Amino acid sequence: MPYLSSSNNPWLEDAVAGISGQNIYVDPDVSGGQALTDALAGVVPGDGSIAVVVLPAEADKTTPYSSYILERLTAAGDHETVILAVGDDLQAASAAIPSDDALRIANENESSGANLQDKLVETVQEISAETPTSSGSDSGVAGPVIPLVIGGVVLVAAAVTAAGLIARRRRRTPAVSIDPVPAGIRLRVNRLRELRADYAAVPGSPVAAETAAGIDALASHVEQLFIRLDAKAGEDQSVLAEAEYSDKLARLVAALDRDYLLDLLTRPDLWDAPDERIAEVREALSSVTTQIVDNIKQVNARKGLLFQVSLDSLIGRSELRDWERQFKQSSGE
């Protein structure tokens, strides 16, 4: 699926321009925009480290995948963290803290049942609390000079604030300490990223370059699916997705490996029906990626996952069955 430029999406185009000179952009089409802006102005740091963008739900309907707007906003500015609300969907990306943690915080607040304003305010506050300060002091213990220069009321307020931050961190500790991507799926994602570099290194091959981009998108979407399943869906849906994609990704890894598609692209003269084989793998990569994007949208909409893609053409290749089996054995499965 081709990437869209910001000019194809007027909401995104305005948002990119909006955060180029400020930290908060609320689209005019968003209901209650001024109240949102005022509330966010009270919590968004003035140092430009965090940007918050609020867009109407329609802004997401012309994008190729769910995180496209966030990725464009992150790339367009110099903010360390970007928090995005598109309709009721909250997302976040950060270079100041692990980006998965930022996304998890946004997703937890999205599911909190509060109104959009409160969700955004809490997301900003929690990400700010997790962001390292430049003071160099994170001991959490007041120095001996503090009692001499500040009053008791301020000390009480500081204690309450510290207690709140500690409580938030303790509440999230179990969630962020475990990779939401199952171990077997993580092995496949890691292998895909290794192969992506191999395809990107092939000189003068548009197909190899397109395949590298496709592999990169697939790996990213797989991670997003399981991160969002962990934050928004029940365990049964995560188990269902793991069962579905464990086999499909293993089969794709075998098809994309150096001994198959990469060899087909660099030495087609050594294969029978090379064009047919290449087309099969490219179609499989595209179909699985499309299904995963659909699954992410289903998770965002709180719907059950639907799986409709089969890789029959790859299953029919005996050499791929052997390589898929070898991959699973080397992974301890």
Foldseek 3Di string as FASTA:
>chain_A
DDFDDCVVQVLLVVVLVVLQPHQEEEDPVDPPRVVLVVLVVVQADPPQQEHEYEAELVRQVPGPFDCNSVVVSPVSYDHQKYWYHYHLQIAMAGPQDHRLVLRLLLLLLSPPPDDPSVSVNSSSVLVVLVGDDPPPDDPLDDDPCVPVPDDPVVVVVVVVVSVVNVVVCVVCVVVVVDQLQDPLRVVLLVLLLVLLVVLCPDPPDPLSPVVSVLSVLQSVLSSLLSSLCSRQHDPVLNVVVCVVVSLLSLLLSLCSDCVHLVCCRVPVVVDPPSVVSNVLSVVSSVVSSVLSSVSSVCSVVVHHRDDDDDSVVSVPDVSSVVSSVVVCVVVVD
